[in-house]
Amino acid sequence: GVFTSGHVPPTALEELIRITNPGGLLLFSTRKSYYDNSDFSTVCNRLQEEGKVKLIHSVIDGPYIAEEGAHYWAFEVC
Protein backbone atom coordinates (compact mmCIF):
# COMPACT_ATOMS: atom_id res chain seq x y z
CA GLY A 1 0.00 0.00 0.00
CA VAL A 2 3.00 2.34 -0.17
CA PHE A 3 3.24 3.06 -3.90
CA THR A 4 -0.18 4.59 -4.34
CA SER A 5 -1.60 8.09 -4.66
CA GLY A 6 -0.94 10.28 -1.65
CA HIS A 7 1.62 7.95 -0.09
CA VAL A 8 5.27 7.53 -1.06
CA PRO A 9 6.63 8.90 -4.37
CA PRO A 10 8.30 6.58 -6.91
CA THR A 11 11.71 8.02 -5.98
CA ALA A 12 11.42 6.13 -2.67
CA LEU A 13 12.63 3.12 -4.66
CA GLU A 14 16.11 4.64 -4.32
CA GLU A 15 15.98 4.21 -0.53
CA LEU A 16 14.79 0.62 -0.87
CA ILE A 17 17.74 -0.04 -3.17
CA ARG A 18 20.12 1.62 -0.71
CA ILE A 19 19.09 -0.63 2.19
CA THR A 20 18.93 -3.86 0.16
CA ASN A 21 22.06 -5.96 -0.33
CA PRO A 22 23.24 -6.60 -3.88
CA GLY A 23 21.39 -9.65 -5.17
CA GLY A 24 18.42 -8.88 -2.92
CA LEU A 25 14.94 -8.62 -4.36
CA LEU A 26 12.47 -5.76 -4.37
CA LEU A 27 8.91 -7.01 -4.84
CA PHE A 28 6.02 -4.60 -5.02
CA SER A 29 2.84 -3.64 -6.79
CA THR A 30 1.23 -0.43 -7.95
CA ARG A 31 -2.35 0.27 -8.75
CA LYS A 32 -2.80 0.87 -12.47
CA SER A 33 -4.14 4.39 -11.83
CA TYR A 34 -1.08 5.32 -9.76
CA TYR A 35 1.29 3.99 -12.43
CA ASP A 36 -0.60 5.86 -15.16
CA ASN A 37 -0.67 9.15 -13.22
CA SER A 38 2.86 9.23 -11.79
CA ASP A 39 6.43 9.09 -13.06
CA PHE A 40 6.83 5.54 -11.72
CA SER A 41 7.78 4.17 -15.14
CA THR A 42 10.38 6.91 -15.66
CA VAL A 43 11.96 6.25 -12.27
CA CYS A 44 12.08 2.47 -12.84
CA ASN A 45 13.62 2.91 -16.29
CA ARG A 46 16.23 5.33 -14.93
CA LEU A 47 17.21 2.99 -12.11
CA GLN A 48 17.68 0.18 -14.62
CA GLU A 49 19.70 2.38 -16.98
CA GLU A 50 21.94 3.43 -14.08
CA GLY A 51 22.59 -0.25 -13.30
CA LYS A 52 21.06 -0.06 -9.82
CA VAL A 53 18.42 -2.74 -10.44
CA LYS A 54 17.64 -5.46 -12.93
CA LEU A 55 14.04 -6.29 -13.83
CA ILE A 56 13.42 -9.96 -13.09
CA HIS A 57 9.70 -10.13 -13.84
CA SER A 58 6.63 -7.93 -14.15
CA VAL A 59 2.92 -8.43 -14.62
CA ILE A 60 1.19 -5.49 -16.25
CA ASP A 61 -2.50 -4.95 -15.55
CA GLY A 62 -2.87 -8.07 -13.44
CA PRO A 63 -5.81 -8.74 -11.15
CA TYR A 64 -6.11 -6.65 -8.01
CA ILE A 65 -9.54 -5.33 -7.02
CA ALA A 66 -12.85 -5.06 -8.83
CA GLU A 67 -12.33 -1.35 -9.55
CA GLU A 68 -8.95 -1.66 -11.26
CA GLY A 69 -5.94 -3.81 -12.01
CA ALA A 70 -2.41 -3.52 -10.73
CA HIS A 71 1.13 -3.88 -11.98
CA TYR A 72 3.50 -6.23 -10.17
CA TRP A 73 7.30 -5.92 -10.18
CA ALA A 74 10.32 -7.99 -9.17
CA PHE A 75 13.70 -6.26 -9.31
CA GLU A 76 17.10 -7.57 -8.30
CA VAL A 77 19.38 -5.01 -6.68
CA CYS A 78 22.73 -4.76 -8.49
PDB file of N, CA and C in Angstrom:
ATOM      1  N   GLY A   1       0.796  -1.195   0.000  1.00  0.00           N
ATOM      2  CA  GLY A   1       0.000   0.000   0.000  1.00  0.00           C
ATOM      3  C   GLY A   1       0.842   1.265   0.000  1.00  0.00           C
ATOM      4  N   VAL A   2       2.132   1.162  -0.236  1.00  0.00           N
ATOM      5  CA  VAL A   2       2.995   2.341  -0.171  1.00  0.00           C
ATOM      6  C   VAL A   2       2.998   3.095  -1.494  1.00  0.00           C
ATOM      7  N   PHE A   3       3.183   2.392  -2.594  1.00  0.00           N
ATOM      8  CA  PHE A   3       3.244   3.058  -3.900  1.00  0.00           C
ATOM      9  C   PHE A   3       1.835   3.245  -4.449  1.00  0.00           C
ATOM     10  N   THR A   4       1.165   4.241  -3.904  1.00  0.00           N
ATOM     11  CA  THR A   4      -0.177   4.590  -4.336  1.00  0.00           C
ATOM     12  C   THR A   4      -0.363   6.090  -4.125  1.00  0.00           C
ATOM     13  N   SER A   5      -1.376   6.647  -4.728  1.00  0.00           N
ATOM     14  CA  SER A   5      -1.601   8.089  -4.663  1.00  0.00           C
ATOM     15  C   SER A   5      -1.669   8.588  -3.224  1.00  0.00           C
ATOM     16  N   GLY A   6      -0.919   9.651  -2.959  1.00  0.00           N
ATOM     17  CA  GLY A   6      -0.937  10.276  -1.646  1.00  0.00           C
ATOM     18  C   GLY A   6      -0.021   9.625  -0.624  1.00  0.00           C
ATOM     19  N   HIS A   7       0.719   8.619  -1.012  1.00  0.00           N
ATOM     20  CA  HIS A   7       1.620   7.947  -0.089  1.00  0.00           C
ATOM     21  C   HIS A   7       3.055   8.308  -0.450  1.00  0.00           C
ATOM     22  N   VAL A   8       3.848   7.328  -0.795  1.00  0.00           N
ATOM     23  CA  VAL A   8       5.267   7.529  -1.058  1.00  0.00           C
ATOM     24  C   VAL A   8       5.497   7.727  -2.563  1.00  0.00           C
ATOM     25  N   PRO A   9       6.372   8.679  -2.940  1.00  0.00           N
ATOM     26  CA  PRO A   9       6.630   8.898  -4.369  1.00  0.00           C
ATOM     27  C   PRO A   9       7.503   7.778  -4.942  1.00  0.00           C
ATOM     28  N   PRO A  10       7.490   7.614  -6.262  1.00  0.00           N
ATOM     29  CA  PRO A  10       8.302   6.582  -6.908  1.00  0.00           C
ATOM     30  C   PRO A  10       9.791   6.681  -6.578  1.00  0.00           C
ATOM     31  N   THR A  11      10.291   7.855  -6.296  1.00  0.00           N
ATOM     32  CA  THR A  11      11.712   8.018  -5.977  1.00  0.00           C
ATOM     33  C   THR A  11      12.101   7.311  -4.684  1.00  0.00           C
ATOM     34  N   ALA A  12      11.129   6.890  -3.888  1.00  0.00           N
ATOM     35  CA  ALA A  12      11.425   6.129  -2.666  1.00  0.00           C
ATOM     36  C   ALA A  12      12.071   4.784  -2.998  1.00  0.00           C
ATOM     37  N   LEU A  13      11.950   4.345  -4.243  1.00  0.00           N
ATOM     38  CA  LEU A  13      12.634   3.117  -4.659  1.00  0.00           C
ATOM     39  C   LEU A  13      14.134   3.231  -4.419  1.00  0.00           C
ATOM     40  N   GLU A  14      14.677   4.431  -4.540  1.00  0.00           N
ATOM     41  CA  GLU A  14      16.110   4.637  -4.324  1.00  0.00           C
ATOM     42  C   GLU A  14      16.508   4.269  -2.889  1.00  0.00           C
ATOM     43  N   GLU A  15      15.677   4.566  -1.926  1.00  0.00           N
ATOM     44  CA  GLU A  15      15.978   4.211  -0.533  1.00  0.00           C
ATOM     45  C   GLU A  15      15.871   2.704  -0.329  1.00  0.00           C
ATOM     46  N   LEU A  16      14.896   2.074  -0.966  1.00  0.00           N
ATOM     47  CA  LEU A  16      14.788   0.624  -0.867  1.00  0.00           C
ATOM     48  C   LEU A  16      16.022  -0.051  -1.463  1.00  0.00           C
ATOM     49  N   ILE A  17      16.524   0.486  -2.556  1.00  0.00           N
ATOM     50  CA  ILE A  17      17.744  -0.043  -3.166  1.00  0.00           C
ATOM     51  C   ILE A  17      18.923   0.148  -2.217  1.00  0.00           C
ATOM     52  N   ARG A  18      19.003   1.311  -1.600  1.00  0.00           N
ATOM     53  CA  ARG A  18      20.122   1.619  -0.707  1.00  0.00           C
ATOM     54  C   ARG A  18      20.210   0.635   0.457  1.00  0.00           C
ATOM     55  N   ILE A  19      19.079   0.225   0.996  1.00  0.00           N
ATOM     56  CA  ILE A  19      19.092  -0.631   2.186  1.00  0.00           C
ATOM     57  C   ILE A  19      19.019  -2.125   1.860  1.00  0.00           C
ATOM     58  N   THR A  20      18.993  -2.464   0.583  1.00  0.00           N
ATOM     59  CA  THR A  20      18.934  -3.863   0.159  1.00  0.00           C
ATOM     60  C   THR A  20      20.303  -4.300  -0.348  1.00  0.00           C
ATOM     61  N   ASN A  21      20.773  -5.429   0.121  1.00  0.00           N
ATOM     62  CA  ASN A  21      22.058  -5.957  -0.330  1.00  0.00           C
ATOM     63  C   ASN A  21      22.025  -6.291  -1.816  1.00  0.00           C
ATOM     64  N   PRO A  22      23.164  -6.163  -2.493  1.00  0.00           N
ATOM     65  CA  PRO A  22      23.237  -6.603  -3.879  1.00  0.00           C
ATOM     66  C   PRO A  22      22.777  -8.063  -3.998  1.00  0.00           C
ATOM     67  N   GLY A  23      21.977  -8.328  -4.997  1.00  0.00           N
ATOM     68  CA  GLY A  23      21.395  -9.652  -5.171  1.00  0.00           C
ATOM     69  C   GLY A  23      20.054  -9.807  -4.481  1.00  0.00           C
ATOM     70  N   GLY A  24      19.716  -8.845  -3.595  1.00  0.00           N
ATOM     71  CA  GLY A  24      18.420  -8.877  -2.916  1.00  0.00           C
ATOM     72  C   GLY A  24      17.303  -8.511  -3.868  1.00  0.00           C
ATOM     73  N   LEU A  25      16.095  -8.873  -3.513  1.00  0.00           N
ATOM     74  CA  LEU A  25      14.941  -8.623  -4.362  1.00  0.00           C
ATOM     75  C   LEU A  25      14.050  -7.526  -3.804  1.00  0.00           C
ATOM     76  N   LEU A  26      13.516  -6.730  -4.689  1.00  0.00           N
ATOM     77  CA  LEU A  26      12.470  -5.758  -4.366  1.00  0.00           C
ATOM     78  C   LEU A  26      11.211  -6.233  -5.068  1.00  0.00           C
ATOM     79  N   LEU A  27      10.179  -6.518  -4.305  1.00  0.00           N
ATOM     80  CA  LEU A  27       8.914  -7.013  -4.836  1.00  0.00           C
ATOM     81  C   LEU A  27       7.820  -6.055  -4.409  1.00  0.00           C
ATOM     82  N   PHE A  28       7.070  -5.551  -5.362  1.00  0.00           N
ATOM     83  CA  PHE A  28       6.023  -4.597  -5.016  1.00  0.00           C
ATOM     84  C   PHE A  28       4.994  -4.511  -6.122  1.00  0.00           C
ATOM     85  N   SER A  29       3.899  -3.852  -5.808  1.00  0.00           N
ATOM     86  CA  SER A  29       2.836  -3.637  -6.785  1.00  0.00           C
ATOM     87  C   SER A  29       2.433  -2.173  -6.775  1.00  0.00           C
ATOM     88  N   THR A  30       1.815  -1.769  -7.863  1.00  0.00           N
ATOM     89  CA  THR A  30       1.233  -0.433  -7.951  1.00  0.00           C
ATOM     90  C   THR A  30      -0.150  -0.569  -8.562  1.00  0.00           C
ATOM     91  N   ARG A  31      -1.063   0.205  -8.075  1.00  0.00           N
ATOM     92  CA  ARG A  31      -2.355   0.270  -8.755  1.00  0.00           C
ATOM     93  C   ARG A  31      -2.129   0.833 -10.152  1.00  0.00           C
ATOM     94  N   LYS A  32      -2.925   0.392 -11.096  1.00  0.00           N
ATOM     95  CA  LYS A  32      -2.797   0.870 -12.471  1.00  0.00           C
ATOM     96  C   LYS A  32      -2.962   2.384 -12.532  1.00  0.00           C
ATOM     97  N   SER A  33      -3.909   2.941 -11.803  1.00  0.00           N
ATOM     98  CA  SER A  33      -4.145   4.389 -11.832  1.00  0.00           C
ATOM     99  C   SER A  33      -2.941   5.165 -11.314  1.00  0.00           C
ATOM    100  N   TYR A  34      -2.277   4.653 -10.287  1.00  0.00           N
ATOM    101  CA  TYR A  34      -1.076   5.316  -9.758  1.00  0.00           C
ATOM    102  C   TYR A  34       0.025   5.293 -10.807  1.00  0.00           C
ATOM    103  N   TYR A  35       0.262   4.136 -11.388  1.00  0.00           N
ATOM    104  CA  TYR A  35       1.290   3.992 -12.427  1.00  0.00           C
ATOM    105  C   TYR A  35       1.022   4.953 -13.586  1.00  0.00           C
ATOM    106  N   ASP A  36      -0.226   5.011 -14.017  1.00  0.00           N
ATOM    107  CA  ASP A  36      -0.596   5.857 -15.156  1.00  0.00           C
ATOM    108  C   ASP A  36      -0.481   7.348 -14.851  1.00  0.00           C
ATOM    109  N   ASN A  37      -0.629   7.738 -13.586  1.00  0.00           N
ATOM    110  CA  ASN A  37      -0.668   9.155 -13.224  1.00  0.00           C
ATOM    111  C   ASN A  37       0.563   9.624 -12.455  1.00  0.00           C
ATOM    112  N   SER A  38       1.631   8.832 -12.478  1.00  0.00           N
ATOM    113  CA  SER A  38       2.863   9.233 -11.795  1.00  0.00           C
ATOM    114  C   SER A  38       4.037   9.009 -12.741  1.00  0.00           C
ATOM    115  N   ASP A  39       5.228   9.324 -12.254  1.00  0.00           N
ATOM    116  CA  ASP A  39       6.433   9.089 -13.056  1.00  0.00           C
ATOM    117  C   ASP A  39       7.098   7.771 -12.670  1.00  0.00           C
ATOM    118  N   PHE A  40       6.314   6.827 -12.177  1.00  0.00           N
ATOM    119  CA  PHE A  40       6.831   5.540 -11.723  1.00  0.00           C
ATOM    120  C   PHE A  40       7.628   4.842 -12.823  1.00  0.00           C
ATOM    121  N   SER A  41       7.093   4.803 -14.017  1.00  0.00           N
ATOM    122  CA  SER A  41       7.783   4.169 -15.145  1.00  0.00           C
ATOM    123  C   SER A  41       9.119   4.838 -15.425  1.00  0.00           C
ATOM    124  N   THR A  42       9.148   6.154 -15.414  1.00  0.00           N
ATOM    125  CA  THR A  42      10.376   6.914 -15.664  1.00  0.00           C
ATOM    126  C   THR A  42      11.430   6.590 -14.615  1.00  0.00           C
ATOM    127  N   VAL A  43      11.023   6.546 -13.357  1.00  0.00           N
ATOM    128  CA  VAL A  43      11.957   6.248 -12.273  1.00  0.00           C
ATOM    129  C   VAL A  43      12.498   4.828 -12.416  1.00  0.00           C
ATOM    130  N   CYS A  44      11.635   3.855 -12.678  1.00  0.00           N
ATOM    131  CA  CYS A  44      12.083   2.467 -12.841  1.00  0.00           C
ATOM    132  C   CYS A  44      13.047   2.329 -14.015  1.00  0.00           C
ATOM    133  N   ASN A  45      12.732   2.977 -15.116  1.00  0.00           N
ATOM    134  CA  ASN A  45      13.618   2.914 -16.288  1.00  0.00           C
ATOM    135  C   ASN A  45      14.976   3.537 -15.983  1.00  0.00           C
ATOM    136  N   ARG A  46      14.973   4.664 -15.281  1.00  0.00           N
ATOM    137  CA  ARG A  46      16.232   5.331 -14.933  1.00  0.00           C
ATOM    138  C   ARG A  46      17.091   4.459 -14.028  1.00  0.00           C
ATOM    139  N   LEU A  47      16.470   3.846 -13.033  1.00  0.00           N
ATOM    140  CA  LEU A  47      17.207   2.991 -12.110  1.00  0.00           C
ATOM    141  C   LEU A  47      17.828   1.794 -12.828  1.00  0.00           C
ATOM    142  N   GLN A  48      17.130   1.272 -13.822  1.00  0.00           N
ATOM    143  CA  GLN A  48      17.683   0.176 -14.618  1.00  0.00           C
ATOM    144  C   GLN A  48      18.832   0.670 -15.497  1.00  0.00           C
ATOM    145  N   GLU A  49      18.656   1.818 -16.129  1.00  0.00           N
ATOM    146  CA  GLU A  49      19.704   2.380 -16.984  1.00  0.00           C
ATOM    147  C   GLU A  49      20.965   2.699 -16.192  1.00  0.00           C
ATOM    148  N   GLU A  50      20.803   3.116 -14.941  1.00  0.00           N
ATOM    149  CA  GLU A  50      21.939   3.432 -14.076  1.00  0.00           C
ATOM    150  C   GLU A  50      22.586   2.168 -13.503  1.00  0.00           C
ATOM    151  N   GLY A  51      22.023   1.002 -13.782  1.00  0.00           N
ATOM    152  CA  GLY A  51      22.586  -0.252 -13.300  1.00  0.00           C
ATOM    153  C   GLY A  51      22.346  -0.517 -11.826  1.00  0.00           C
ATOM    154  N   LYS A  52      21.352   0.132 -11.249  1.00  0.00           N
ATOM    155  CA  LYS A  52      21.061  -0.064  -9.825  1.00  0.00           C
ATOM    156  C   LYS A  52      20.167  -1.272  -9.573  1.00  0.00           C
ATOM    157  N   VAL A  53      19.310  -1.587 -10.541  1.00  0.00           N
ATOM    158  CA  VAL A  53      18.421  -2.742 -10.437  1.00  0.00           C
ATOM    159  C   VAL A  53      18.321  -3.428 -11.791  1.00  0.00           C
ATOM    160  N   LYS A  54      17.897  -4.683 -11.730  1.00  0.00           N
ATOM    161  CA  LYS A  54      17.641  -5.460 -12.934  1.00  0.00           C
ATOM    162  C   LYS A  54      16.226  -6.005 -12.819  1.00  0.00           C
ATOM    163  N   LEU A  55      15.407  -5.774 -13.834  1.00  0.00           N
ATOM    164  CA  LEU A  55      14.041  -6.288 -13.830  1.00  0.00           C
ATOM    165  C   LEU A  55      14.076  -7.797 -13.993  1.00  0.00           C
ATOM    166  N   ILE A  56      13.494  -8.509 -13.049  1.00  0.00           N
ATOM    167  CA  ILE A  56      13.419  -9.963 -13.088  1.00  0.00           C
ATOM    168  C   ILE A  56      12.108 -10.401 -13.727  1.00  0.00           C
ATOM    169  N   HIS A  57      11.015  -9.761 -13.317  1.00  0.00           N
ATOM    170  CA  HIS A  57       9.697 -10.128 -13.835  1.00  0.00           C
ATOM    171  C   HIS A  57       8.707  -9.001 -13.540  1.00  0.00           C
ATOM    172  N   SER A  58       7.732  -8.865 -14.413  1.00  0.00           N
ATOM    173  CA  SER A  58       6.634  -7.935 -14.152  1.00  0.00           C
ATOM    174  C   SER A  58       5.350  -8.501 -14.729  1.00  0.00           C
ATOM    175  N   VAL A  59       4.256  -8.115 -14.116  1.00  0.00           N
ATOM    176  CA  VAL A  59       2.919  -8.428 -14.618  1.00  0.00           C
ATOM    177  C   VAL A  59       2.214  -7.090 -14.762  1.00  0.00           C
ATOM    178  N   ILE A  60       1.849  -6.766 -15.981  1.00  0.00           N
ATOM    179  CA  ILE A  60       1.191  -5.492 -16.253  1.00  0.00           C
ATOM    180  C   ILE A  60      -0.314  -5.720 -16.339  1.00  0.00           C
ATOM    181  N   ASP A  61      -1.045  -4.900 -15.599  1.00  0.00           N
ATOM    182  CA  ASP A  61      -2.504  -4.952 -15.552  1.00  0.00           C
ATOM    183  C   ASP A  61      -3.012  -6.315 -15.103  1.00  0.00           C
ATOM    184  N   GLY A  62      -2.416  -6.815 -14.034  1.00  0.00           N
ATOM    185  CA  GLY A  62      -2.867  -8.068 -13.439  1.00  0.00           C
ATOM    186  C   GLY A  62      -4.058  -7.833 -12.527  1.00  0.00           C
ATOM    187  N   PRO A  63      -4.656  -8.886 -12.030  1.00  0.00           N
ATOM    188  CA  PRO A  63      -5.812  -8.743 -11.146  1.00  0.00           C
ATOM    189  C   PRO A  63      -5.423  -8.096  -9.819  1.00  0.00           C
ATOM    190  N   TYR A  64      -6.340  -7.304  -9.293  1.00  0.00           N
ATOM    191  CA  TYR A  64      -6.109  -6.651  -8.010  1.00  0.00           C
ATOM    192  C   TYR A  64      -7.431  -6.522  -7.262  1.00  0.00           C
ATOM    193  N   ILE A  65      -8.221  -5.526  -7.625  1.00  0.00           N
ATOM    194  CA  ILE A  65      -9.540  -5.334  -7.021  1.00  0.00           C
ATOM    195  C   ILE A  65     -10.548  -5.123  -8.139  1.00  0.00           C
ATOM    196  N   ALA A  66     -11.812  -5.177  -7.809  1.00  0.00           N
ATOM    197  CA  ALA A  66     -12.854  -5.060  -8.829  1.00  0.00           C
ATOM    198  C   ALA A  66     -12.766  -3.738  -9.602  1.00  0.00           C
ATOM    199  N   GLU A  67     -12.341  -2.668  -8.930  1.00  0.00           N
ATOM    200  CA  GLU A  67     -12.327  -1.354  -9.553  1.00  0.00           C
ATOM    201  C   GLU A  67     -11.198  -1.161 -10.566  1.00  0.00           C
ATOM    202  N   GLU A  68     -10.075  -1.836 -10.354  1.00  0.00           N
ATOM    203  CA  GLU A  68      -8.947  -1.660 -11.257  1.00  0.00           C
ATOM    204  C   GLU A  68      -7.905  -2.745 -11.067  1.00  0.00           C
ATOM    205  N   GLY A  69      -7.041  -2.857 -12.064  1.00  0.00           N
ATOM    206  CA  GLY A  69      -5.945  -3.810 -12.005  1.00  0.00           C
ATOM    207  C   GLY A  69      -4.723  -3.196 -11.350  1.00  0.00           C
ATOM    208  N   ALA A  70      -3.670  -3.978 -11.322  1.00  0.00           N
ATOM    209  CA  ALA A  70      -2.414  -3.522 -10.732  1.00  0.00           C
ATOM    210  C   ALA A  70      -1.259  -4.041 -11.574  1.00  0.00           C
ATOM    211  N   HIS A  71      -0.106  -3.427 -11.366  1.00  0.00           N
ATOM    212  CA  HIS A  71       1.131  -3.877 -11.981  1.00  0.00           C
ATOM    213  C   HIS A  71       1.996  -4.446 -10.863  1.00  0.00           C
ATOM    214  N   TYR A  72       2.659  -5.550 -11.146  1.00  0.00           N
ATOM    215  CA  TYR A  72       3.500  -6.232 -10.166  1.00  0.00           C
ATOM    216  C   TYR A  72       4.926  -6.277 -10.686  1.00  0.00           C
ATOM    217  N   TRP A  73       5.900  -6.062  -9.797  1.00  0.00           N
ATOM    218  CA  TRP A  73       7.302  -5.918 -10.183  1.00  0.00           C
ATOM    219  C   TRP A  73       8.201  -6.771  -9.303  1.00  0.00           C
ATOM    220  N   ALA A  74       9.244  -7.316  -9.910  1.00  0.00           N
ATOM    221  CA  ALA A  74      10.316  -7.989  -9.173  1.00  0.00           C
ATOM    222  C   ALA A  74      11.627  -7.481  -9.747  1.00  0.00           C
ATOM    223  N   PHE A  75      12.392  -6.784  -8.922  1.00  0.00           N
ATOM    224  CA  PHE A  75      13.704  -6.261  -9.315  1.00  0.00           C
ATOM    225  C   PHE A  75      14.770  -6.901  -8.443  1.00  0.00           C
ATOM    226  N   GLU A  76      15.928  -7.156  -9.045  1.00  0.00           N
ATOM    227  CA  GLU A  76      17.102  -7.573  -8.297  1.00  0.00           C
ATOM    228  C   GLU A  76      18.005  -6.372  -8.142  1.00  0.00           C
ATOM    229  N   VAL A  77      18.481  -6.118  -6.930  1.00  0.00           N
ATOM    230  CA  VAL A  77      19.383  -5.006  -6.676  1.00  0.00           C
ATOM    231  C   VAL A  77      20.775  -5.391  -7.169  1.00  0.00           C
ATOM    232  N   CYS A  78      21.400  -4.494  -7.922  1.00  0.00           N
ATOM    233  CA  CYS A  78      22.730  -4.757  -8.486  1.00  0.00           C
ATOM    234  C   CYS A  78      23.841  -4.280  -7.562  1.00  0.00           C
TER     235      CYS A  78
END
